[in-house]
Amino acid sequence: FENKHVNQPASPCYFHFKSYINMSIDIRLASSRPSGPDLYHGDDPGNIVTPGDIITADTGFMRGHGTYMEEECLHASVAGIVERVNKLVSVQPLKTRYNGEIGDVVIGRVIELGQKRWRVETHSRMDSILMLSSVNLPGGELRRRSEEDEKMMRHYLKEGDLISAEVQNVMSDGCLSLHTRSLKYGKLGQGTLVKVSPSLILRRKTHFHNLPVGASIILGNNGYIWIAPTEHIEAGETGGYETNLQPVSKADREVIARLRNCVLALADQRVLLFDTSILYTYEASHKFAVGYSG
């Protein structure tokens, strides 16, 4: 191949390759793409940008989320779709982490124990915090937490445990403060965890559903969904720490497996997830058998 510069006024990164079989191939780097107003096409919903792309050189636009100004040009800071509302230009990310709000129901996994607190992974930008003072004591006893309670923290919840909780507060840095001061929250026992995009969870008054198929489902606002046999998820008088470790029947496992597949199918088609959509999909899935391996 021959490598030579052609008369292009734009960038030195534009090359012309000519082979000995008289076939020309033009190759341009990302930095050689058109910039400025040529890249931004108004309200075109298919205009996808990557970090560093110039959205527009027009100084009449306001900077929104997912953008930054550099050399009097508006650049994208995330990969996503350009959105415009009047003079406000923002980039909606293709994938995003969970942004918690007070009152949200979340499902998380304990990853570390600290001083009077547990660190919980909830698919948010930062690990969430569950304080010892924000959980129920065994038996639902109401009193101040003592040093003895702090020593028993690992007996209540340890690393790897899955819990359901509610967002109590959102810190200034985005960290979520959780609480489980209700018998419907607490440690989760036997079941299966399904992870989907948080944007697919429909916000409703309740996210705990006892489905009439013999299983219960918790739709966490953070995109974590818990499916379990109904009798294993009902709250008792133990403060949400005791878990039922009895074997799950084959019929219950089939129901759980079918519900899991229905949730994944709906998520793959970007359908909002709530109790009605999942139940309709479950009923429609009975024409297909649940397969077994091994």
C-alpha atoms as a PDB file:
ATOM      1  CA  PHE A   1       0.000   0.000   0.000  1.00  0.00           C
ATOM      2  CA  GLU A   2       0.951   3.584  -0.565  1.00  0.00           C
ATOM      3  CA  ASN A   3       0.332   6.115   2.168  1.00  0.00           C
ATOM      4  CA  LYS A   4       0.107   9.755   1.241  1.00  0.00           C
ATOM      5  CA  HIS A   5      -1.732  12.842   2.412  1.00  0.00           C
ATOM      6  CA  VAL A   6      -4.466  14.130   0.172  1.00  0.00           C
ATOM      7  CA  ASN A   7      -5.555  17.707  -0.165  1.00  0.00           C
ATOM      8  CA  GLN A   8      -7.991  17.787   2.712  1.00  0.00           C
ATOM      9  CA  PRO A   9      -8.285  21.071   4.607  1.00  0.00           C
ATOM     10  CA  ALA A  10      -9.645  19.479   7.802  1.00  0.00           C
ATOM     11  CA  SER A  11      -7.302  17.170   9.651  1.00  0.00           C
ATOM     12  CA  PRO A  12      -3.881  15.518   9.227  1.00  0.00           C
ATOM     13  CA  CYS A  13      -5.548  12.307  10.370  1.00  0.00           C
ATOM     14  CA  TYR A  14      -7.218  11.861   6.979  1.00  0.00           C
ATOM     15  CA  PHE A  15      -5.322   9.364   4.807  1.00  0.00           C
ATOM     16  CA  HIS A  16      -5.694   7.944   1.356  1.00  0.00           C
ATOM     17  CA  PHE A  17      -4.598   4.357   0.787  1.00  0.00           C
ATOM     18  CA  LYS A  18      -4.143   3.086  -2.718  1.00  0.00           C
ATOM     19  CA  SER A  19      -3.472  -0.559  -3.457  1.00  0.00           C
ATOM     20  CA  TYR A  20      -1.785  -2.068  -6.464  1.00  0.00           C
ATOM     21  CA  ILE A  21      -5.090  -3.498  -7.656  1.00  0.00           C
ATOM     22  CA  ASN A  22      -6.459   0.003  -8.273  1.00  0.00           C
ATOM     23  CA  MET A  23      -8.806   0.005  -5.261  1.00  0.00           C
ATOM     24  CA  SER A  24      -8.995   3.139  -3.117  1.00  0.00           C
ATOM     25  CA  ILE A  25      -9.958   3.032   0.580  1.00  0.00           C
ATOM     26  CA  ASP A  26     -10.593   6.186   2.586  1.00  0.00           C
ATOM     27  CA  ILE A  27     -10.076   5.914   6.364  1.00  0.00           C
ATOM     28  CA  ARG A  28     -10.933   8.658   8.834  1.00  0.00           C
ATOM     29  CA  LEU A  29     -10.357   8.722  12.574  1.00  0.00           C
ATOM     30  CA  ALA A  30     -13.063   9.804  15.000  1.00  0.00           C
ATOM     31  CA  SER A  31     -11.391  13.199  15.323  1.00  0.00           C
ATOM     32  CA  SER A  32     -11.916  13.796  11.603  1.00  0.00           C
ATOM     33  CA  ARG A  33     -15.699  13.534  11.732  1.00  0.00           C
ATOM     34  CA  PRO A  34     -17.804  16.618  11.043  1.00  0.00           C
ATOM     35  CA  SER A  35     -18.192  18.795  14.101  1.00  0.00           C
ATOM     36  CA  GLY A  36     -20.256  21.700  15.201  1.00  0.00           C
ATOM     37  CA  PRO A  37     -23.793  22.207  13.913  1.00  0.00           C
ATOM     38  CA  ASP A  38     -23.289  19.463  11.281  1.00  0.00           C
ATOM     39  CA  LEU A  39     -23.302  16.820  14.025  1.00  0.00           C
ATOM     40  CA  TYR A  40     -26.408  18.044  15.806  1.00  0.00           C
ATOM     41  CA  HIS A  41     -29.643  17.675  13.882  1.00  0.00           C
ATOM     42  CA  GLY A  42     -32.188  19.416  16.057  1.00  0.00           C
ATOM     43  CA  ASP A  43     -34.706  17.043  17.611  1.00  0.00           C
ATOM     44  CA  ASP A  44     -33.600  13.929  15.727  1.00  0.00           C
ATOM     45  CA  PRO A  45     -34.163  11.093  18.292  1.00  0.00           C
ATOM     46  CA  GLY A  46     -31.657   8.858  16.549  1.00  0.00           C
ATOM     47  CA  ASN A  47     -28.727  11.226  17.072  1.00  0.00           C
ATOM     48  CA  ILE A  48     -26.427   9.102  19.250  1.00  0.00           C
ATOM     49  CA  VAL A  49     -23.195  10.614  20.550  1.00  0.00           C
ATOM     50  CA  THR A  50     -20.199   9.250  22.426  1.00  0.00           C
ATOM     51  CA  PRO A  51     -18.106  10.954  25.141  1.00  0.00           C
ATOM     52  CA  GLY A  52     -16.118  13.840  23.671  1.00  0.00           C
ATOM     53  CA  ASP A  53     -18.303  14.335  20.604  1.00  0.00           C
ATOM     54  CA  ILE A  54     -19.122  17.940  19.717  1.00  0.00           C
ATOM     55  CA  ILE A  55     -22.878  18.401  19.879  1.00  0.00           C
ATOM     56  CA  THR A  56     -22.979  21.966  18.621  1.00  0.00           C
ATOM     57  CA  ALA A  57     -20.778  25.021  18.263  1.00  0.00           C
ATOM     58  CA  ASP A  58     -23.759  27.351  18.560  1.00  0.00           C
ATOM     59  CA  THR A  59     -23.340  29.381  21.761  1.00  0.00           C
ATOM     60  CA  GLY A  60     -27.073  30.023  21.978  1.00  0.00           C
ATOM     61  CA  PHE A  61     -27.762  26.662  23.624  1.00  0.00           C
ATOM     62  CA  MET A  62     -27.730  25.960  27.376  1.00  0.00           C
ATOM     63  CA  ARG A  63     -25.716  23.104  28.846  1.00  0.00           C
ATOM     64  CA  GLY A  64     -27.776  20.253  30.309  1.00  0.00           C
ATOM     65  CA  HIS A  65     -27.026  16.901  31.925  1.00  0.00           C
ATOM     66  CA  GLY A  66     -24.473  14.790  30.113  1.00  0.00           C
ATOM     67  CA  THR A  67     -22.721  17.736  28.447  1.00  0.00           C
ATOM     68  CA  TYR A  68     -19.816  20.106  29.089  1.00  0.00           C
ATOM     69  CA  MET A  69     -18.366  23.223  27.457  1.00  0.00           C
ATOM     70  CA  GLU A  70     -14.893  23.262  25.958  1.00  0.00           C
ATOM     71  CA  GLU A  71     -13.435  25.789  23.493  1.00  0.00           C
ATOM     72  CA  GLU A  72     -16.860  27.376  23.028  1.00  0.00           C
ATOM     73  CA  CYS A  73     -18.332  24.065  21.851  1.00  0.00           C
ATOM     74  CA  LEU A  74     -20.861  21.861  23.631  1.00  0.00           C
ATOM     75  CA  HIS A  75     -19.484  18.325  24.086  1.00  0.00           C
ATOM     76  CA  ALA A  76     -21.107  15.084  25.248  1.00  0.00           C
ATOM     77  CA  SER A  77     -19.757  13.631  28.494  1.00  0.00           C
ATOM     78  CA  VAL A  78     -21.686  10.345  28.244  1.00  0.00           C
ATOM     79  CA  ALA A  79     -22.759   7.996  25.468  1.00  0.00           C
ATOM     80  CA  GLY A  80     -26.416   8.525  24.690  1.00  0.00           C
ATOM     81  CA  ILE A  81     -29.086  10.314  22.712  1.00  0.00           C
ATOM     82  CA  VAL A  82     -29.130  14.087  22.283  1.00  0.00           C
ATOM     83  CA  GLU A  83     -32.305  15.677  23.614  1.00  0.00           C
ATOM     84  CA  ARG A  84     -33.366  19.295  23.237  1.00  0.00           C
ATOM     85  CA  VAL A  85     -35.993  21.236  25.175  1.00  0.00           C
ATOM     86  CA  ASN A  86     -36.150  24.746  23.753  1.00  0.00           C
ATOM     87  CA  LYS A  87     -32.575  26.027  24.270  1.00  0.00           C
ATOM     88  CA  LEU A  88     -31.583  23.324  26.762  1.00  0.00           C
ATOM     89  CA  VAL A  89     -29.495  20.506  25.263  1.00  0.00           C
ATOM     90  CA  SER A  90     -28.791  17.341  27.239  1.00  0.00           C
ATOM     91  CA  VAL A  91     -27.661  13.783  26.572  1.00  0.00           C
ATOM     92  CA  GLN A  92     -29.827  10.944  27.845  1.00  0.00           C
ATOM     93  CA  PRO A  93     -27.483   8.025  28.674  1.00  0.00           C
ATOM     94  CA  LEU A  94     -28.161   4.696  26.986  1.00  0.00           C
ATOM     95  CA  LYS A  95     -27.505   2.966  30.298  1.00  0.00           C
ATOM     96  CA  THR A  96     -27.501   4.560  33.696  1.00  0.00           C
ATOM     97  CA  ARG A  97     -27.199   3.701  37.344  1.00  0.00           C
ATOM     98  CA  TYR A  98     -30.059   3.968  39.804  1.00  0.00           C
ATOM     99  CA  ASN A  99     -30.794   7.450  41.154  1.00  0.00           C
ATOM    100  CA  GLY A 100     -32.533   6.914  44.483  1.00  0.00           C
ATOM    101  CA  GLU A 101     -35.422   8.933  45.857  1.00  0.00           C
ATOM    102  CA  ILE A 102     -36.833   9.005  49.372  1.00  0.00           C
ATOM    103  CA  GLY A 103     -39.475   6.321  49.795  1.00  0.00           C
ATOM    104  CA  ASP A 104     -38.126   4.014  47.067  1.00  0.00           C
ATOM    105  CA  VAL A 105     -38.219   0.269  47.685  1.00  0.00           C
ATOM    106  CA  VAL A 106     -34.829  -1.265  46.909  1.00  0.00           C
ATOM    107  CA  ILE A 107     -33.198  -4.684  47.037  1.00  0.00           C
ATOM    108  CA  GLY A 108     -29.514  -4.809  47.875  1.00  0.00           C
ATOM    109  CA  ARG A 109     -26.679  -7.083  48.913  1.00  0.00           C
ATOM    110  CA  VAL A 110     -24.634  -6.512  52.072  1.00  0.00           C
ATOM    111  CA  ILE A 111     -20.974  -6.140  51.094  1.00  0.00           C
ATOM    112  CA  GLU A 112     -19.318  -4.878  54.274  1.00  0.00           C
ATOM    113  CA  LEU A 113     -19.882  -4.331  57.978  1.00  0.00           C
ATOM    114  CA  GLY A 114     -18.673  -1.127  59.634  1.00  0.00           C
ATOM    115  CA  GLN A 115     -19.126   0.786  62.846  1.00  0.00           C
ATOM    116  CA  LYS A 116     -22.860   0.577  63.561  1.00  0.00           C
ATOM    117  CA  ARG A 117     -23.609   0.310  59.846  1.00  0.00           C
ATOM    118  CA  TRP A 118     -23.765  -2.032  56.892  1.00  0.00           C
ATOM    119  CA  ARG A 119     -22.641  -1.117  53.388  1.00  0.00           C
ATOM    120  CA  VAL A 120     -25.144  -2.317  50.801  1.00  0.00           C
ATOM    121  CA  GLU A 121     -24.782  -2.570  47.016  1.00  0.00           C
ATOM    122  CA  THR A 122     -27.988  -1.236  45.431  1.00  0.00           C
ATOM    123  CA  HIS A 123     -26.929  -0.584  41.807  1.00  0.00           C
ATOM    124  CA  SER A 124     -26.531   3.127  42.549  1.00  0.00           C
ATOM    125  CA  ARG A 125     -23.481   5.291  41.899  1.00  0.00           C
ATOM    126  CA  MET A 126     -22.288   4.820  45.470  1.00  0.00           C
ATOM    127  CA  ASP A 127     -22.765   2.078  48.016  1.00  0.00           C
ATOM    128  CA  SER A 128     -25.789   2.606  50.245  1.00  0.00           C
ATOM    129  CA  ILE A 129     -25.685   2.712  54.036  1.00  0.00           C
ATOM    130  CA  LEU A 130     -27.925   0.821  56.469  1.00  0.00           C
ATOM    131  CA  MET A 131     -27.424   2.076  60.002  1.00  0.00           C
ATOM    132  CA  LEU A 132     -27.858  -0.190  63.024  1.00  0.00           C
ATOM    133  CA  SER A 133     -30.385   2.307  64.389  1.00  0.00           C
ATOM    134  CA  SER A 134     -32.446   1.940  61.183  1.00  0.00           C
ATOM    135  CA  VAL A 135     -33.224  -1.762  61.515  1.00  0.00           C
ATOM    136  CA  ASN A 136     -35.710  -3.708  63.602  1.00  0.00           C
ATOM    137  CA  LEU A 137     -34.388  -5.557  66.591  1.00  0.00           C
ATOM    138  CA  PRO A 138     -35.401  -9.229  66.867  1.00  0.00           C
ATOM    139  CA  GLY A 139     -38.981  -9.415  68.090  1.00  0.00           C
ATOM    140  CA  GLY A 140     -39.656  -5.832  67.035  1.00  0.00           C
ATOM    141  CA  GLU A 141     -38.350  -4.424  70.318  1.00  0.00           C
ATOM    142  CA  LEU A 142     -38.089  -0.621  70.402  1.00  0.00           C
ATOM    143  CA  ARG A 143     -35.086   0.693  72.351  1.00  0.00           C
ATOM    144  CA  ARG A 144     -31.758   2.399  71.904  1.00  0.00           C
ATOM    145  CA  ARG A 145     -29.036   0.288  70.284  1.00  0.00           C
ATOM    146  CA  SER A 146     -26.387  -0.800  72.758  1.00  0.00           C
ATOM    147  CA  GLU A 147     -22.808  -1.980  72.439  1.00  0.00           C
ATOM    148  CA  GLU A 148     -24.114  -5.532  72.687  1.00  0.00           C
ATOM    149  CA  ASP A 149     -26.301  -4.920  69.619  1.00  0.00           C
ATOM    150  CA  GLU A 150     -23.234  -3.729  67.697  1.00  0.00           C
ATOM    151  CA  LYS A 151     -21.433  -6.971  68.559  1.00  0.00           C
ATOM    152  CA  MET A 152     -24.436  -8.919  67.233  1.00  0.00           C
ATOM    153  CA  MET A 153     -24.524  -7.127  63.851  1.00  0.00           C
ATOM    154  CA  ARG A 154     -23.044 -10.065  61.975  1.00  0.00           C
ATOM    155  CA  HIS A 155     -25.672 -12.300  63.560  1.00  0.00           C
ATOM    156  CA  TYR A 156     -28.385 -10.055  62.083  1.00  0.00           C
ATOM    157  CA  LEU A 157     -26.883  -9.451  58.629  1.00  0.00           C
ATOM    158  CA  LYS A 158     -23.561 -10.583  57.198  1.00  0.00           C
ATOM    159  CA  GLU A 159     -21.693 -10.146  53.914  1.00  0.00           C
ATOM    160  CA  GLY A 160     -23.562 -11.609  50.970  1.00  0.00           C
ATOM    161  CA  ASP A 161     -27.044 -11.377  52.506  1.00  0.00           C
ATOM    162  CA  LEU A 162     -29.804  -9.964  50.318  1.00  0.00           C
ATOM    163  CA  ILE A 163     -32.188  -7.489  51.914  1.00  0.00           C
ATOM    164  CA  SER A 164     -35.213  -5.436  50.986  1.00  0.00           C
ATOM    165  CA  ALA A 165     -35.272  -1.903  52.343  1.00  0.00           C
ATOM    166  CA  GLU A 166     -36.635   1.596  51.833  1.00  0.00           C
ATOM    167  CA  VAL A 167     -34.667   4.732  51.013  1.00  0.00           C
ATOM    168  CA  GLN A 168     -34.817   6.941  54.095  1.00  0.00           C
ATOM    169  CA  ASN A 169     -32.606   9.778  52.930  1.00  0.00           C
ATOM    170  CA  VAL A 170     -30.383  10.828  50.024  1.00  0.00           C
ATOM    171  CA  MET A 171     -27.070  12.365  51.075  1.00  0.00           C
ATOM    172  CA  SER A 172     -25.548  15.376  49.346  1.00  0.00           C
ATOM    173  CA  ASP A 173     -23.006  13.123  47.573  1.00  0.00           C
ATOM    174  CA  GLY A 174     -25.745  10.809  46.280  1.00  0.00           C
ATOM    175  CA  CYS A 175     -25.239   8.071  48.871  1.00  0.00           C
ATOM    176  CA  LEU A 176     -28.503   6.438  49.958  1.00  0.00           C
ATOM    177  CA  SER A 177     -29.435   5.920  53.595  1.00  0.00           C
ATOM    178  CA  LEU A 178     -31.713   2.893  54.007  1.00  0.00           C
ATOM    179  CA  HIS A 179     -34.004   1.593  56.722  1.00  0.00           C
ATOM    180  CA  THR A 180     -35.826  -1.686  57.368  1.00  0.00           C
ATOM    181  CA  ARG A 181     -38.095  -0.510  60.190  1.00  0.00           C
ATOM    182  CA  SER A 182     -41.055  -2.491  58.918  1.00  0.00           C
ATOM    183  CA  LEU A 183     -41.799  -6.213  59.056  1.00  0.00           C
ATOM    184  CA  LYS A 184     -42.173  -6.311  55.269  1.00  0.00           C
ATOM    185  CA  TYR A 185     -38.504  -5.340  54.912  1.00  0.00           C
ATOM    186  CA  GLY A 186     -35.466  -7.259  56.044  1.00  0.00           C
ATOM    187  CA  LYS A 187     -33.382 -10.272  55.095  1.00  0.00           C
ATOM    188  CA  LEU A 188     -34.461 -12.274  52.060  1.00  0.00           C
ATOM    189  CA  GLY A 189     -34.431 -16.055  52.157  1.00  0.00           C
ATOM    190  CA  GLN A 190     -34.906 -18.528  49.333  1.00  0.00           C
ATOM    191  CA  GLY A 191     -35.734 -17.214  45.900  1.00  0.00           C
ATOM    192  CA  THR A 192     -34.090 -15.801  42.804  1.00  0.00           C
ATOM    193  CA  LEU A 193     -32.751 -12.343  42.001  1.00  0.00           C
ATOM    194  CA  VAL A 194     -33.295 -10.799  38.562  1.00  0.00           C
ATOM    195  CA  LYS A 195     -31.466  -7.641  37.492  1.00  0.00           C
ATOM    196  CA  VAL A 196     -32.986  -5.268  34.918  1.00  0.00           C
ATOM    197  CA  SER A 197     -32.666  -1.589  34.045  1.00  0.00           C
ATOM    198  CA  PRO A 198     -34.135   0.671  36.770  1.00  0.00           C
ATOM    199  CA  SER A 199     -35.981   2.613  34.056  1.00  0.00           C
ATOM    200  CA  LEU A 200     -38.204  -0.422  33.397  1.00  0.00           C
ATOM    201  CA  ILE A 201     -39.656  -0.522  36.924  1.00  0.00           C
ATOM    202  CA  LEU A 202     -43.001   1.257  37.013  1.00  0.00           C
ATOM    203  CA  ARG A 203     -43.361   3.408  40.131  1.00  0.00           C
ATOM    204  CA  ARG A 204     -46.476   2.373  42.022  1.00  0.00           C
ATOM    205  CA  LYS A 205     -47.953   2.675  45.496  1.00  0.00           C
ATOM    206  CA  THR A 206     -46.770  -0.809  46.435  1.00  0.00           C
ATOM    207  CA  HIS A 207     -43.904  -2.889  45.085  1.00  0.00           C
ATOM    208  CA  PHE A 208     -44.662  -6.045  47.093  1.00  0.00           C
ATOM    209  CA  HIS A 209     -47.010  -8.392  45.257  1.00  0.00           C
ATOM    210  CA  ASN A 210     -48.403 -11.797  46.215  1.00  0.00           C
ATOM    211  CA  LEU A 211     -49.261 -13.201  42.805  1.00  0.00           C
ATOM    212  CA  PRO A 212     -52.116 -15.717  42.528  1.00  0.00           C
ATOM    213  CA  VAL A 213     -49.736 -18.302  41.056  1.00  0.00           C
ATOM    214  CA  GLY A 214     -48.089 -19.318  44.327  1.00  0.00           C
ATOM    215  CA  ALA A 215     -45.176 -16.882  44.260  1.00  0.00           C
ATOM    216  CA  SER A 216     -44.426 -13.382  45.509  1.00  0.00           C
ATOM    217  CA  ILE A 217     -42.398 -10.707  43.805  1.00  0.00           C
ATOM    218  CA  ILE A 218     -40.652  -7.559  45.008  1.00  0.00           C
ATOM    219  CA  LEU A 219     -40.042  -4.977  42.288  1.00  0.00           C
ATOM    220  CA  GLY A 220     -37.173  -2.855  43.533  1.00  0.00           C
ATOM    221  CA  ASN A 221     -36.977   0.659  42.150  1.00  0.00           C
ATOM    222  CA  ASN A 222     -33.246   0.058  41.658  1.00  0.00           C
ATOM    223  CA  GLY A 223     -33.888  -2.612  39.010  1.00  0.00           C
ATOM    224  CA  TYR A 224     -33.405  -5.599  41.313  1.00  0.00           C
ATOM    225  CA  ILE A 225     -36.383  -7.982  41.350  1.00  0.00           C
ATOM    226  CA  TRP A 226     -36.842 -10.729  43.936  1.00  0.00           C
ATOM    227  CA  ILE A 227     -39.047 -13.752  43.194  1.00  0.00           C
ATOM    228  CA  ALA A 228     -39.761 -16.285  45.928  1.00  0.00           C
ATOM    229  CA  PRO A 229     -42.423 -18.732  47.104  1.00  0.00           C
ATOM    230  CA  THR A 230     -45.193 -16.859  48.875  1.00  0.00           C
ATOM    231  CA  GLU A 231     -44.792 -18.638  52.215  1.00  0.00           C
ATOM    232  CA  HIS A 232     -41.060 -17.838  52.287  1.00  0.00           C
ATOM    233  CA  ILE A 233     -41.491 -14.095  51.955  1.00  0.00           C
ATOM    234  CA  GLU A 234     -44.197 -13.406  54.505  1.00  0.00           C
ATOM    235  CA  ALA A 235     -42.937 -11.385  57.481  1.00  0.00           C
ATOM    236  CA  GLY A 236     -42.860 -12.955  60.901  1.00  0.00           C
ATOM    237  CA  GLU A 237     -42.236 -11.693  64.406  1.00  0.00           C
ATOM    238  CA  THR A 238     -38.460 -12.043  64.222  1.00  0.00           C
ATOM    239  CA  GLY A 239     -37.637  -8.584  62.935  1.00  0.00           C
ATOM    240  CA  GLY A 240     -36.937  -9.843  59.443  1.00  0.00           C
ATOM    241  CA  TYR A 241     -33.761 -11.796  60.275  1.00  0.00           C
ATOM    242  CA  GLU A 242     -34.944 -15.414  60.320  1.00  0.00           C
ATOM    243  CA  THR A 243     -35.057 -17.149  56.935  1.00  0.00           C
ATOM    244  CA  ASN A 244     -36.939 -20.280  55.947  1.00  0.00           C
ATOM    245  CA  LEU A 245     -34.422 -22.813  54.693  1.00  0.00           C
ATOM    246  CA  GLN A 246     -36.904 -25.617  54.028  1.00  0.00           C
ATOM    247  CA  PRO A 247     -36.576 -27.249  50.575  1.00  0.00           C
ATOM    248  CA  VAL A 248     -38.659 -25.578  47.868  1.00  0.00           C
ATOM    249  CA  SER A 249     -41.015 -27.920  46.055  1.00  0.00           C
ATOM    250  CA  LYS A 250     -40.608 -28.682  42.378  1.00  0.00           C
ATOM    251  CA  ALA A 251     -43.923 -26.967  41.558  1.00  0.00           C
ATOM    252  CA  ASP A 252     -42.784 -23.767  43.278  1.00  0.00           C
ATOM    253  CA  ARG A 253     -39.437 -23.860  41.468  1.00  0.00           C
ATOM    254  CA  GLU A 254     -41.241 -24.178  38.134  1.00  0.00           C
ATOM    255  CA  VAL A 255     -43.388 -21.142  38.931  1.00  0.00           C
ATOM    256  CA  ILE A 256     -40.332 -19.111  39.984  1.00  0.00           C
ATOM    257  CA  ALA A 257     -38.395 -20.146  36.865  1.00  0.00           C
ATOM    258  CA  ARG A 258     -41.309 -19.222  34.601  1.00  0.00           C
ATOM    259  CA  LEU A 259     -41.761 -15.837  36.286  1.00  0.00           C
ATOM    260  CA  ARG A 260     -38.025 -15.148  35.957  1.00  0.00           C
ATOM    261  CA  ASN A 261     -38.131 -15.942  32.232  1.00  0.00           C
ATOM    262  CA  CYS A 262     -41.193 -13.701  31.812  1.00  0.00           C
ATOM    263  CA  VAL A 263     -39.409 -10.794  33.517  1.00  0.00           C
ATOM    264  CA  LEU A 264     -36.328 -11.218  31.321  1.00  0.00           C
ATOM    265  CA  ALA A 265     -38.479 -11.439  28.169  1.00  0.00           C
ATOM    266  CA  LEU A 266     -40.329  -8.226  29.062  1.00  0.00           C
ATOM    267  CA  ALA A 267     -37.058  -6.471  29.899  1.00  0.00           C
ATOM    268  CA  ASP A 268     -35.545  -7.578  26.587  1.00  0.00           C
ATOM    269  CA  GLN A 269     -38.459  -5.916  24.769  1.00  0.00           C
ATOM    270  CA  ARG A 270     -38.201  -2.778  26.972  1.00  0.00           C
ATOM    271  CA  VAL A 271     -41.690  -3.279  28.452  1.00  0.00           C
ATOM    272  CA  LEU A 272     -42.484  -1.628  31.788  1.00  0.00           C
ATOM    273  CA  LEU A 273     -42.493  -4.123  34.651  1.00  0.00           C
ATOM    274  CA  PHE A 274     -45.344  -4.194  37.159  1.00  0.00           C
ATOM    275  CA  ASP A 275     -47.575  -6.898  38.602  1.00  0.00           C
ATOM    276  CA  THR A 276     -50.158  -6.845  35.788  1.00  0.00           C
ATOM    277  CA  SER A 277     -47.700  -6.996  32.888  1.00  0.00           C
ATOM    278  CA  ILE A 278     -45.775  -9.836  34.546  1.00  0.00           C
ATOM    279  CA  LEU A 279     -48.973 -11.784  35.335  1.00  0.00           C
ATOM    280  CA  TYR A 280     -50.318 -11.454  31.772  1.00  0.00           C
ATOM    281  CA  THR A 281     -46.988 -12.629  30.377  1.00  0.00           C
ATOM    282  CA  TYR A 282     -46.962 -15.545  32.811  1.00  0.00           C
ATOM    283  CA  GLU A 283     -50.426 -16.657  31.675  1.00  0.00           C
ATOM    284  CA  ALA A 284     -49.451 -16.361  28.012  1.00  0.00           C
ATOM    285  CA  SER A 285     -46.297 -18.422  28.618  1.00  0.00           C
ATOM    286  CA  HIS A 286     -48.175 -21.605  29.551  1.00  0.00           C
ATOM    287  CA  LYS A 287     -48.127 -22.734  25.936  1.00  0.00           C
ATOM    288  CA  PHE A 288     -44.380 -23.280  26.423  1.00  0.00           C
ATOM    289  CA  ALA A 289     -42.974 -25.928  28.749  1.00  0.00           C
ATOM    290  CA  VAL A 290     -40.253 -25.273  31.300  1.00  0.00           C
ATOM    291  CA  GLY A 291     -37.157 -27.227  30.268  1.00  0.00           C
ATOM    292  CA  TYR A 292     -34.778 -29.034  32.578  1.00  0.00           C
ATOM    293  CA  SER A 293     -31.085 -29.693  32.112  1.00  0.00           C
ATOM    294  CA  GLY A 294     -28.957 -32.401  33.650  1.00  0.00           C
END
